[in-house]
Every structure is written in structure tokens, then in C-alpha cells.
């Protein structure tokens, strides 16, 4: 499995957010501080599901992994990994670093 960098992971996520925005007919400005949930979120709840599933698929394909981002472990964290682009990128990178090879 190729070693993932934070920049690679974050770029994949930002691409997914932009693509969802285009599909939804929205202009989405996205950077690492962009919120994904709560006030000012770049996406609605359906959008978040679509972004997360698309991001998960790209991570798994790009890094030959078998990650599940929306897991019970993710939902039970005291600070949601879905709160921002940076948080989800860091969470995904942590999973990739600890992921067994496919």
C-alpha cells in the first residue's frame, strides 16, 4: 500500500466536496477550514453522506485500502471527525496509517 500524505488525502476530500457542489448546482469554496457539519457547512446532510462515501471510495482505490469512514468508532468520538475538511482528512489519514493492507 502506498503511503498517504495529508496533502493527498485532503486534496481527494476537497475534490469530492467540489464535485458534490457542482452536482447540486452550488458554488462551494473549500479549504481545510471548511465546515462539513453545523453552521456554515459546505454541504447538507445528504451531501455529507455523498461526500463521505465518495471520499471513502477514492481513498480505498488510491491507497489500496479497505477503510470505513462512517463507523461506530467515528460516531462515538467526542469531537466529530466530520466537523471540517481538516478533521476528516486527519481522521482518514490516521485510519490509512493503521489500515491493514488489502
PDB file of N, CA and C in Angstrom:
ATOM      1  N   UNK A   1       0.851  -1.189   0.000  1.00  0.00           N
ATOM      2  CA  UNK A   1       0.000   0.000   0.000  1.00  0.00           C
ATOM      3  C   UNK A   1       0.889   1.243   0.000  1.00  0.00           C
ATOM      4  N   UNK A   2       0.556   2.187  -0.860  1.00  0.00           N
ATOM      5  CA  UNK A   2       1.307   3.440  -0.932  1.00  0.00           C
ATOM      6  C   UNK A   2       1.072   4.255   0.337  1.00  0.00           C
ATOM      7  N   UNK A   3       2.099   4.932   0.804  1.00  0.00           N
ATOM      8  CA  UNK A   3       1.997   5.771   1.998  1.00  0.00           C
ATOM      9  C   UNK A   3       1.275   7.065   1.629  1.00  0.00           C
ATOM     10  N   UNK A   4       0.210   7.354   2.329  1.00  0.00           N
ATOM     11  CA  UNK A   4      -0.591   8.551   2.072  1.00  0.00           C
ATOM     12  C   UNK A   4       0.007   9.757   2.783  1.00  0.00           C
ATOM     13  N   UNK A   5      -0.066  10.908   2.141  1.00  0.00           N
ATOM     14  CA  UNK A   5       0.319  12.153   2.798  1.00  0.00           C
ATOM     15  C   UNK A   5      -0.949  12.938   3.115  1.00  0.00           C
ATOM     16  N   UNK A   6      -0.846  13.842   4.071  1.00  0.00           N
ATOM     17  CA  UNK A   6      -2.005  14.666   4.443  1.00  0.00           C
ATOM     18  C   UNK A   6      -2.491  15.460   3.230  1.00  0.00           C
ATOM     19  N   UNK A   7      -1.568  16.007   2.449  1.00  0.00           N
ATOM     20  CA  UNK A   7      -1.958  16.792   1.272  1.00  0.00           C
ATOM     21  C   UNK A   7      -2.738  15.955   0.268  1.00  0.00           C
ATOM     22  N   UNK A   8      -2.295  14.718   0.037  1.00  0.00           N
ATOM     23  CA  UNK A   8      -3.003  13.840  -0.906  1.00  0.00           C
ATOM     24  C   UNK A   8      -4.420  13.552  -0.412  1.00  0.00           C
ATOM     25  N   UNK A   9      -4.524  13.211   0.854  1.00  0.00           N
ATOM     26  CA  UNK A   9      -5.814  12.865   1.444  1.00  0.00           C
ATOM     27  C   UNK A   9      -6.746  14.076   1.413  1.00  0.00           C
ATOM     28  N   UNK A  10      -6.224  15.233   1.820  1.00  0.00           N
ATOM     29  CA  UNK A  10      -7.038  16.447   1.849  1.00  0.00           C
ATOM     30  C   UNK A  10      -7.465  16.853   0.437  1.00  0.00           C
ATOM     31  N   UNK A  11      -6.589  16.703  -0.542  1.00  0.00           N
ATOM     32  CA  UNK A  11      -6.939  17.026  -1.930  1.00  0.00           C
ATOM     33  C   UNK A  11      -8.080  16.155  -2.431  1.00  0.00           C
ATOM     34  N   UNK A  12      -8.038  14.860  -2.111  1.00  0.00           N
ATOM     35  CA  UNK A  12      -9.124  13.960  -2.502  1.00  0.00           C
ATOM     36  C   UNK A  12     -10.453  14.400  -1.888  1.00  0.00           C
ATOM     37  N   UNK A  13     -10.428  14.773  -0.619  1.00  0.00           N
ATOM     38  CA  UNK A  13     -11.646  15.200   0.060  1.00  0.00           C
ATOM     39  C   UNK A  13     -12.175  16.498  -0.546  1.00  0.00           C
ATOM     40  N   UNK A  14     -11.309  17.465  -0.775  1.00  0.00           N
ATOM     41  CA  UNK A  14     -11.753  18.736  -1.341  1.00  0.00           C
ATOM     42  C   UNK A  14     -12.339  18.539  -2.744  1.00  0.00           C
ATOM     43  N   UNK A  15     -11.762  17.620  -3.498  1.00  0.00           N
ATOM     44  CA  UNK A  15     -12.289  17.267  -4.813  1.00  0.00           C
ATOM     45  C   UNK A  15     -13.711  16.722  -4.685  1.00  0.00           C
ATOM     46  N   UNK A  16     -13.937  15.860  -3.722  1.00  0.00           N
ATOM     47  CA  UNK A  16     -15.272  15.280  -3.501  1.00  0.00           C
ATOM     48  C   UNK A  16     -16.288  16.354  -3.120  1.00  0.00           C
ATOM     49  N   UNK A  17     -15.889  17.295  -2.266  1.00  0.00           N
ATOM     50  CA  UNK A  17     -16.791  18.376  -1.858  1.00  0.00           C
ATOM     51  C   UNK A  17     -17.124  19.256  -3.066  1.00  0.00           C
ATOM     52  N   UNK A  18     -16.118  19.594  -3.857  1.00  0.00           N
ATOM     53  CA  UNK A  18     -16.359  20.424  -5.054  1.00  0.00           C
ATOM     54  C   UNK A  18     -17.277  19.719  -6.043  1.00  0.00           C
ATOM     55  N   UNK A  19     -17.026  18.431  -6.258  1.00  0.00           N
ATOM     56  CA  UNK A  19     -17.859  17.671  -7.195  1.00  0.00           C
ATOM     57  C   UNK A  19     -19.301  17.595  -6.716  1.00  0.00           C
ATOM     58  N   UNK A  20     -19.507  17.403  -5.422  1.00  0.00           N
ATOM     59  CA  UNK A  20     -20.876  17.393  -4.909  1.00  0.00           C
ATOM     60  C   UNK A  20     -21.518  18.757  -5.156  1.00  0.00           C
ATOM     61  N   UNK A  21     -20.781  19.824  -4.884  1.00  0.00           N
ATOM     62  CA  UNK A  21     -21.310  21.171  -5.114  1.00  0.00           C
ATOM     63  C   UNK A  21     -21.736  21.363  -6.557  1.00  0.00           C
ATOM     64  N   UNK A  22     -20.913  20.920  -7.492  1.00  0.00           N
ATOM     65  CA  UNK A  22     -21.254  21.035  -8.910  1.00  0.00           C
ATOM     66  C   UNK A  22     -22.517  20.251  -9.228  1.00  0.00           C
ATOM     67  N   UNK A  23     -22.618  19.027  -8.728  1.00  0.00           N
ATOM     68  CA  UNK A  23     -23.801  18.196  -8.978  1.00  0.00           C
ATOM     69  C   UNK A  23     -25.059  18.829  -8.398  1.00  0.00           C
ATOM     70  N   UNK A  24     -24.905  19.503  -7.264  1.00  0.00           N
ATOM     71  CA  UNK A  24     -26.047  20.122  -6.594  1.00  0.00           C
ATOM     72  C   UNK A  24     -26.314  21.528  -7.116  1.00  0.00           C
ATOM     73  N   UNK A  25     -25.490  21.994  -8.046  1.00  0.00           N
ATOM     74  CA  UNK A  25     -25.664  23.330  -8.596  1.00  0.00           C
ATOM     75  C   UNK A  25     -25.241  24.434  -7.646  1.00  0.00           C
ATOM     76  N   UNK A  26     -24.315  24.128  -6.763  1.00  0.00           N
ATOM     77  CA  UNK A  26     -23.821  25.101  -5.781  1.00  0.00           C
ATOM     78  C   UNK A  26     -22.393  25.496  -6.093  1.00  0.00           C
ATOM     79  N   UNK A  27     -22.055  26.717  -5.742  1.00  0.00           N
ATOM     80  CA  UNK A  27     -20.661  27.134  -5.826  1.00  0.00           C
ATOM     81  C   UNK A  27     -20.091  26.956  -4.423  1.00  0.00           C
ATOM     82  N   UNK A  28     -19.161  26.032  -4.301  1.00  0.00           N
ATOM     83  CA  UNK A  28     -18.607  25.709  -2.983  1.00  0.00           C
ATOM     84  C   UNK A  28     -17.135  26.105  -2.966  1.00  0.00           C
ATOM     85  N   UNK A  29     -16.810  27.008  -2.054  1.00  0.00           N
ATOM     86  CA  UNK A  29     -15.399  27.330  -1.826  1.00  0.00           C
ATOM     87  C   UNK A  29     -14.941  26.411  -0.711  1.00  0.00           C
ATOM     88  N   UNK A  30     -13.889  25.674  -0.977  1.00  0.00           N
ATOM     89  CA  UNK A  30     -13.472  24.688   0.011  1.00  0.00           C
ATOM     90  C   UNK A  30     -11.982  24.804   0.295  1.00  0.00           C
ATOM     91  N   UNK A  31     -11.656  24.800   1.581  1.00  0.00           N
ATOM     92  CA  UNK A  31     -10.267  24.736   2.033  1.00  0.00           C
ATOM     93  C   UNK A  31     -10.261  23.878   3.291  1.00  0.00           C
ATOM     94  N   UNK A  32      -9.145  23.775   3.947  1.00  0.00           N
ATOM     95  CA  UNK A  32      -9.074  22.850   5.082  1.00  0.00           C
ATOM     96  C   UNK A  32      -9.964  23.267   6.255  1.00  0.00           C
ATOM     97  N   UNK A  33     -10.349  24.537   6.328  1.00  0.00           N
ATOM     98  CA  UNK A  33     -11.191  25.009   7.423  1.00  0.00           C
ATOM     99  C   UNK A  33     -12.684  24.940   7.110  1.00  0.00           C
ATOM    100  N   UNK A  34     -13.042  24.492   5.910  1.00  0.00           N
ATOM    101  CA  UNK A  34     -14.446  24.417   5.517  1.00  0.00           C
ATOM    102  C   UNK A  34     -15.207  23.445   6.422  1.00  0.00           C
ATOM    103  N   UNK A  35     -16.293  23.934   7.078  1.00  0.00           N
ATOM    104  CA  UNK A  35     -17.084  23.018   7.906  1.00  0.00           C
ATOM    105  C   UNK A  35     -17.920  22.079   7.034  1.00  0.00           C
ATOM    106  N   UNK A  36     -18.036  20.842   7.482  1.00  0.00           N
ATOM    107  CA  UNK A  36     -18.849  19.854   6.771  1.00  0.00           C
ATOM    108  C   UNK A  36     -20.173  19.592   7.497  1.00  0.00           C
ATOM    109  N   UNK A  37     -20.237  19.972   8.765  1.00  0.00           N
ATOM    110  CA  UNK A  37     -21.478  19.868   9.532  1.00  0.00           C
ATOM    111  C   UNK A  37     -21.642  21.152  10.332  1.00  0.00           C
ATOM    112  N   UNK A  38     -22.859  21.427  10.749  1.00  0.00           N
ATOM    113  CA  UNK A  38     -23.127  22.584  11.590  1.00  0.00           C
ATOM    114  C   UNK A  38     -23.275  23.865  10.789  1.00  0.00           C
ATOM    115  N   UNK A  39     -23.278  24.994  11.496  1.00  0.00           N
ATOM    116  CA  UNK A  39     -23.468  26.294  10.849  1.00  0.00           C
ATOM    117  C   UNK A  39     -22.386  26.558   9.796  1.00  0.00           C
ATOM    118  N   UNK A  40     -22.805  27.027   8.648  1.00  0.00           N
ATOM    119  CA  UNK A  40     -21.852  27.347   7.588  1.00  0.00           C
ATOM    120  C   UNK A  40     -21.314  26.148   6.841  1.00  0.00           C
ATOM    121  N   UNK A  41     -21.918  24.974   7.048  1.00  0.00           N
ATOM    122  CA  UNK A  41     -21.431  23.754   6.388  1.00  0.00           C
ATOM    123  C   UNK A  41     -21.516  23.902   4.870  1.00  0.00           C
ATOM    124  N   UNK A  42     -20.524  23.342   4.190  1.00  0.00           N
ATOM    125  CA  UNK A  42     -20.464  23.404   2.732  1.00  0.00           C
ATOM    126  C   UNK A  42     -21.493  22.495   2.079  1.00  0.00           C
ATOM    127  N   UNK A  43     -21.986  21.510   2.828  1.00  0.00           N
ATOM    128  CA  UNK A  43     -22.929  20.524   2.289  1.00  0.00           C
ATOM    129  C   UNK A  43     -24.075  20.308   3.275  1.00  0.00           C
ATOM    130  N   UNK A  44     -25.210  19.843   2.758  1.00  0.00           N
ATOM    131  CA  UNK A  44     -26.315  19.468   3.634  1.00  0.00           C
ATOM    132  C   UNK A  44     -26.109  18.017   4.071  1.00  0.00           C
ATOM    133  N   UNK A  45     -27.068  17.454   4.796  1.00  0.00           N
ATOM    134  CA  UNK A  45     -26.863  16.105   5.337  1.00  0.00           C
ATOM    135  C   UNK A  45     -26.728  15.057   4.232  1.00  0.00           C
ATOM    136  N   UNK A  46     -27.541  15.157   3.182  1.00  0.00           N
ATOM    137  CA  UNK A  46     -27.404  14.228   2.061  1.00  0.00           C
ATOM    138  C   UNK A  46     -26.053  14.433   1.378  1.00  0.00           C
ATOM    139  N   UNK A  47     -25.660  15.676   1.238  1.00  0.00           N
ATOM    140  CA  UNK A  47     -24.364  15.993   0.642  1.00  0.00           C
ATOM    141  C   UNK A  47     -23.223  15.401   1.439  1.00  0.00           C
ATOM    142  N   UNK A  48     -23.324  15.455   2.766  1.00  0.00           N
ATOM    143  CA  UNK A  48     -22.275  14.891   3.613  1.00  0.00           C
ATOM    144  C   UNK A  48     -22.151  13.392   3.370  1.00  0.00           C
ATOM    145  N   UNK A  49     -23.288  12.714   3.289  1.00  0.00           N
ATOM    146  CA  UNK A  49     -23.268  11.272   3.025  1.00  0.00           C
ATOM    147  C   UNK A  49     -22.601  10.999   1.680  1.00  0.00           C
ATOM    148  N   UNK A  50     -22.967  11.772   0.668  1.00  0.00           N
ATOM    149  CA  UNK A  50     -22.401  11.565  -0.662  1.00  0.00           C
ATOM    150  C   UNK A  50     -20.903  11.870  -0.693  1.00  0.00           C
ATOM    151  N   UNK A  51     -20.505  12.940  -0.025  1.00  0.00           N
ATOM    152  CA  UNK A  51     -19.086  13.304   0.031  1.00  0.00           C
ATOM    153  C   UNK A  51     -18.293  12.228   0.764  1.00  0.00           C
ATOM    154  N   UNK A  52     -18.790  11.788   1.907  1.00  0.00           N
ATOM    155  CA  UNK A  52     -18.064  10.786   2.701  1.00  0.00           C
ATOM    156  C   UNK A  52     -17.952   9.462   1.943  1.00  0.00           C
ATOM    157  N   UNK A  53     -19.027   9.018   1.308  1.00  0.00           N
ATOM    158  CA  UNK A  53     -18.948   7.746   0.583  1.00  0.00           C
ATOM    159  C   UNK A  53     -18.028   7.864  -0.636  1.00  0.00           C
ATOM    160  N   UNK A  54     -18.082   8.997  -1.327  1.00  0.00           N
ATOM    161  CA  UNK A  54     -17.178   9.204  -2.464  1.00  0.00           C
ATOM    162  C   UNK A  54     -15.726   9.279  -2.023  1.00  0.00           C
ATOM    163  N   UNK A  55     -15.485   9.983  -0.920  1.00  0.00           N
ATOM    164  CA  UNK A  55     -14.139  10.130  -0.363  1.00  0.00           C
ATOM    165  C   UNK A  55     -13.596   8.770   0.064  1.00  0.00           C
ATOM    166  N   UNK A  56     -14.436   8.002   0.734  1.00  0.00           N
ATOM    167  CA  UNK A  56     -14.046   6.661   1.176  1.00  0.00           C
ATOM    168  C   UNK A  56     -13.652   5.795  -0.029  1.00  0.00           C
ATOM    169  N   UNK A  57     -14.457   5.831  -1.079  1.00  0.00           N
ATOM    170  CA  UNK A  57     -14.163   5.032  -2.280  1.00  0.00           C
ATOM    171  C   UNK A  57     -12.842   5.456  -2.910  1.00  0.00           C
ATOM    172  N   UNK A  58     -12.610   6.753  -2.988  1.00  0.00           N
ATOM    173  CA  UNK A  58     -11.352   7.240  -3.582  1.00  0.00           C
ATOM    174  C   UNK A  58     -10.146   6.871  -2.744  1.00  0.00           C
ATOM    175  N   UNK A  59     -10.286   6.988  -1.436  1.00  0.00           N
ATOM    176  CA  UNK A  59      -9.179   6.592  -0.550  1.00  0.00           C
ATOM    177  C   UNK A  59      -8.850   5.119  -0.737  1.00  0.00           C
ATOM    178  N   UNK A  60      -9.889   4.289  -0.746  1.00  0.00           N
ATOM    179  CA  UNK A  60      -9.678   2.853  -0.868  1.00  0.00           C
ATOM    180  C   UNK A  60      -9.050   2.495  -2.211  1.00  0.00           C
ATOM    181  N   UNK A  61      -9.484   3.167  -3.262  1.00  0.00           N
ATOM    182  CA  UNK A  61      -8.928   2.893  -4.587  1.00  0.00           C
ATOM    183  C   UNK A  61      -7.495   3.431  -4.704  1.00  0.00           C
ATOM    184  N   UNK A  62      -7.299   4.665  -4.289  1.00  0.00           N
ATOM    185  CA  UNK A  62      -5.993   5.311  -4.424  1.00  0.00           C
ATOM    186  C   UNK A  62      -4.915   4.626  -3.600  1.00  0.00           C
ATOM    187  N   UNK A  63      -5.264   4.245  -2.363  1.00  0.00           N
ATOM    188  CA  UNK A  63      -4.268   3.703  -1.438  1.00  0.00           C
ATOM    189  C   UNK A  63      -4.429   2.210  -1.192  1.00  0.00           C
ATOM    190  N   UNK A  64      -5.228   1.541  -2.024  1.00  0.00           N
ATOM    191  CA  UNK A  64      -5.431   0.097  -1.919  1.00  0.00           C
ATOM    192  C   UNK A  64      -5.755  -0.295  -0.476  1.00  0.00           C
ATOM    193  N   UNK A  65      -6.755   0.377   0.076  1.00  0.00           N
ATOM    194  CA  UNK A  65      -7.148   0.151   1.466  1.00  0.00           C
ATOM    195  C   UNK A  65      -8.590  -0.358   1.514  1.00  0.00           C
ATOM    196  N   UNK A  66      -9.067  -0.622   2.705  1.00  0.00           N
ATOM    197  CA  UNK A  66     -10.449  -1.041   2.913  1.00  0.00           C
ATOM    198  C   UNK A  66     -11.025  -0.281   4.100  1.00  0.00           C
ATOM    199  N   UNK A  67     -11.032   1.046   3.989  1.00  0.00           N
ATOM    200  CA  UNK A  67     -11.493   1.892   5.083  1.00  0.00           C
ATOM    201  C   UNK A  67     -13.005   2.010   5.111  1.00  0.00           C
ATOM    202  N   UNK A  68     -13.528   2.205   6.308  1.00  0.00           N
ATOM    203  CA  UNK A  68     -14.921   2.589   6.505  1.00  0.00           C
ATOM    204  C   UNK A  68     -14.872   3.848   7.368  1.00  0.00           C
ATOM    205  N   UNK A  69     -15.234   4.985   6.774  1.00  0.00           N
ATOM    206  CA  UNK A  69     -15.136   6.257   7.496  1.00  0.00           C
ATOM    207  C   UNK A  69     -16.295   6.463   8.473  1.00  0.00           C
ATOM    208  N   UNK A  70     -17.500   6.119   8.063  1.00  0.00           N
ATOM    209  CA  UNK A  70     -18.678   6.335   8.907  1.00  0.00           C
ATOM    210  C   UNK A  70     -18.944   5.090   9.743  1.00  0.00           C
ATOM    211  N   UNK A  71     -18.065   4.853  10.686  1.00  0.00           N
ATOM    212  CA  UNK A  71     -18.164   3.660  11.535  1.00  0.00           C
ATOM    213  C   UNK A  71     -18.681   4.035  12.923  1.00  0.00           C
ATOM    214  N   UNK A  72     -18.973   3.026  13.698  1.00  0.00           N
ATOM    215  CA  UNK A  72     -19.396   3.255  15.080  1.00  0.00           C
ATOM    216  C   UNK A  72     -18.287   3.973  15.853  1.00  0.00           C
ATOM    217  N   UNK A  73     -17.052   3.611  15.569  1.00  0.00           N
ATOM    218  CA  UNK A  73     -15.919   4.261  16.243  1.00  0.00           C
ATOM    219  C   UNK A  73     -15.889   5.758  15.923  1.00  0.00           C
ATOM    220  N   UNK A  74     -16.122   6.112  14.663  1.00  0.00           N
ATOM    221  CA  UNK A  74     -16.121   7.523  14.269  1.00  0.00           C
ATOM    222  C   UNK A  74     -17.255   8.274  14.947  1.00  0.00           C
ATOM    223  N   UNK A  75     -18.418   7.644  15.013  1.00  0.00           N
ATOM    224  CA  UNK A  75     -19.594   8.298  15.606  1.00  0.00           C
ATOM    225  C   UNK A  75     -19.468   8.467  17.112  1.00  0.00           C
ATOM    226  N   UNK A  76     -18.641   7.642  17.748  1.00  0.00           N
ATOM    227  CA  UNK A  76     -18.530   7.702  19.203  1.00  0.00           C
ATOM    228  C   UNK A  76     -17.428   8.641  19.699  1.00  0.00           C
ATOM    229  N   UNK A  77     -16.673   9.227  18.782  1.00  0.00           N
ATOM    230  CA  UNK A  77     -15.625  10.163  19.195  1.00  0.00           C
ATOM    231  C   UNK A  77     -16.242  11.421  19.795  1.00  0.00           C
ATOM    232  N   UNK A  78     -15.581  11.997  20.793  1.00  0.00           N
ATOM    233  CA  UNK A  78     -16.132  13.184  21.441  1.00  0.00           C
ATOM    234  C   UNK A  78     -16.153  14.394  20.498  1.00  0.00           C
ATOM    235  N   UNK A  79     -15.198  14.462  19.586  1.00  0.00           N
ATOM    236  CA  UNK A  79     -15.195  15.525  18.560  1.00  0.00           C
ATOM    237  C   UNK A  79     -15.355  14.841  17.207  1.00  0.00           C
ATOM    238  N   UNK A  80     -16.413  15.186  16.519  1.00  0.00           N
ATOM    239  CA  UNK A  80     -16.732  14.518  15.260  1.00  0.00           C
ATOM    240  C   UNK A  80     -15.628  14.693  14.220  1.00  0.00           C
ATOM    241  N   UNK A  81     -15.208  13.602  13.588  1.00  0.00           N
ATOM    242  CA  UNK A  81     -14.230  13.726  12.517  1.00  0.00           C
ATOM    243  C   UNK A  81     -14.853  14.343  11.260  1.00  0.00           C
ATOM    244  N   UNK A  82     -16.170  14.526  11.263  1.00  0.00           N
ATOM    245  CA  UNK A  82     -16.868  15.087  10.113  1.00  0.00           C
ATOM    246  C   UNK A  82     -17.097  16.589  10.240  1.00  0.00           C
ATOM    247  N   UNK A  83     -16.498  17.224  11.264  1.00  0.00           N
ATOM    248  CA  UNK A  83     -16.775  18.630  11.515  1.00  0.00           C
ATOM    249  C   UNK A  83     -16.158  19.567  10.483  1.00  0.00           C
ATOM    250  N   UNK A  84     -15.048  19.178   9.863  1.00  0.00           N
ATOM    251  CA  UNK A  84     -14.408  20.049   8.872  1.00  0.00           C
ATOM    252  C   UNK A  84     -13.565  19.218   7.915  1.00  0.00           C
ATOM    253  N   UNK A  85     -13.142  19.864   6.846  1.00  0.00           N
ATOM    254  CA  UNK A  85     -12.261  19.203   5.881  1.00  0.00           C
ATOM    255  C   UNK A  85     -10.984  18.741   6.576  1.00  0.00           C
ATOM    256  N   UNK A  86     -10.389  19.601   7.397  1.00  0.00           N
ATOM    257  CA  UNK A  86      -9.143  19.233   8.089  1.00  0.00           C
ATOM    258  C   UNK A  86      -9.360  18.053   9.024  1.00  0.00           C
ATOM    259  N   UNK A  87     -10.451  18.072   9.783  1.00  0.00           N
ATOM    260  CA  UNK A  87     -10.710  16.991  10.752  1.00  0.00           C
ATOM    261  C   UNK A  87     -10.924  15.654  10.041  1.00  0.00           C
ATOM    262  N   UNK A  88     -11.696  15.662   8.954  1.00  0.00           N
ATOM    263  CA  UNK A  88     -11.949  14.414   8.242  1.00  0.00           C
ATOM    264  C   UNK A  88     -10.691  13.927   7.528  1.00  0.00           C
ATOM    265  N   UNK A  89      -9.894  14.853   7.022  1.00  0.00           N
ATOM    266  CA  UNK A  89      -8.623  14.472   6.390  1.00  0.00           C
ATOM    267  C   UNK A  89      -7.696  13.812   7.407  1.00  0.00           C
ATOM    268  N   UNK A  90      -7.587  14.415   8.577  1.00  0.00           N
ATOM    269  CA  UNK A  90      -6.725  13.861   9.631  1.00  0.00           C
ATOM    270  C   UNK A  90      -7.236  12.496  10.096  1.00  0.00           C
ATOM    271  N   UNK A  91      -8.556  12.367  10.240  1.00  0.00           N
ATOM    272  CA  UNK A  91      -9.145  11.095  10.658  1.00  0.00           C
ATOM    273  C   UNK A  91      -8.847  10.007   9.620  1.00  0.00           C
ATOM    274  N   UNK A  92      -9.065  10.339   8.350  1.00  0.00           N
ATOM    275  CA  UNK A  92      -8.819   9.365   7.277  1.00  0.00           C
ATOM    276  C   UNK A  92      -7.339   8.981   7.207  1.00  0.00           C
ATOM    277  N   UNK A  93      -6.471   9.964   7.368  1.00  0.00           N
ATOM    278  CA  UNK A  93      -5.033   9.687   7.338  1.00  0.00           C
ATOM    279  C   UNK A  93      -4.648   8.745   8.488  1.00  0.00           C
ATOM    280  N   UNK A  94      -5.214   8.979   9.646  1.00  0.00           N
ATOM    281  CA  UNK A  94      -4.963   8.101  10.789  1.00  0.00           C
ATOM    282  C   UNK A  94      -5.416   6.679  10.512  1.00  0.00           C
ATOM    283  N   UNK A  95      -6.581   6.533   9.879  1.00  0.00           N
ATOM    284  CA  UNK A  95      -7.060   5.197   9.521  1.00  0.00           C
ATOM    285  C   UNK A  95      -6.139   4.548   8.485  1.00  0.00           C
ATOM    286  N   UNK A  96      -5.717   5.337   7.503  1.00  0.00           N
ATOM    287  CA  UNK A  96      -4.815   4.798   6.468  1.00  0.00           C
ATOM    288  C   UNK A  96      -3.501   4.350   7.087  1.00  0.00           C
ATOM    289  N   UNK A  97      -2.968   5.128   8.025  1.00  0.00           N
ATOM    290  CA  UNK A  97      -1.696   4.779   8.660  1.00  0.00           C
ATOM    291  C   UNK A  97      -1.803   3.480   9.456  1.00  0.00           C
ATOM    292  N   UNK A  98      -3.004   3.216   9.971  1.00  0.00           N
ATOM    293  CA  UNK A  98      -3.189   2.000  10.759  1.00  0.00           C
ATOM    294  C   UNK A  98      -3.912   0.896  10.004  1.00  0.00           C
ATOM    295  N   UNK A  99      -4.216   1.160   8.721  1.00  0.00           N
ATOM    296  CA  UNK A  99      -5.015   0.202   7.942  1.00  0.00           C
ATOM    297  C   UNK A  99      -4.192  -1.001   7.535  1.00  0.00           C
ATOM    298  N   UNK A 100      -4.760  -2.181   7.681  1.00  0.00           N
ATOM    299  CA  UNK A 100      -4.060  -3.362   7.167  1.00  0.00           C
ATOM    300  C   UNK A 100      -4.081  -3.340   5.634  1.00  0.00           C
ATOM    301  N   UNK A 101      -3.087  -3.907   5.029  1.00  0.00           N
ATOM    302  CA  UNK A 101      -3.048  -3.953   3.574  1.00  0.00           C
ATOM    303  C   UNK A 101      -4.203  -4.801   3.061  1.00  0.00           C
ATOM    304  N   UNK A 102      -4.736  -4.359   1.937  1.00  0.00           N
ATOM    305  CA  UNK A 102      -5.879  -5.082   1.345  1.00  0.00           C
ATOM    306  C   UNK A 102      -5.418  -6.401   0.755  1.00  0.00           C
TER     307      UNK A 102
END
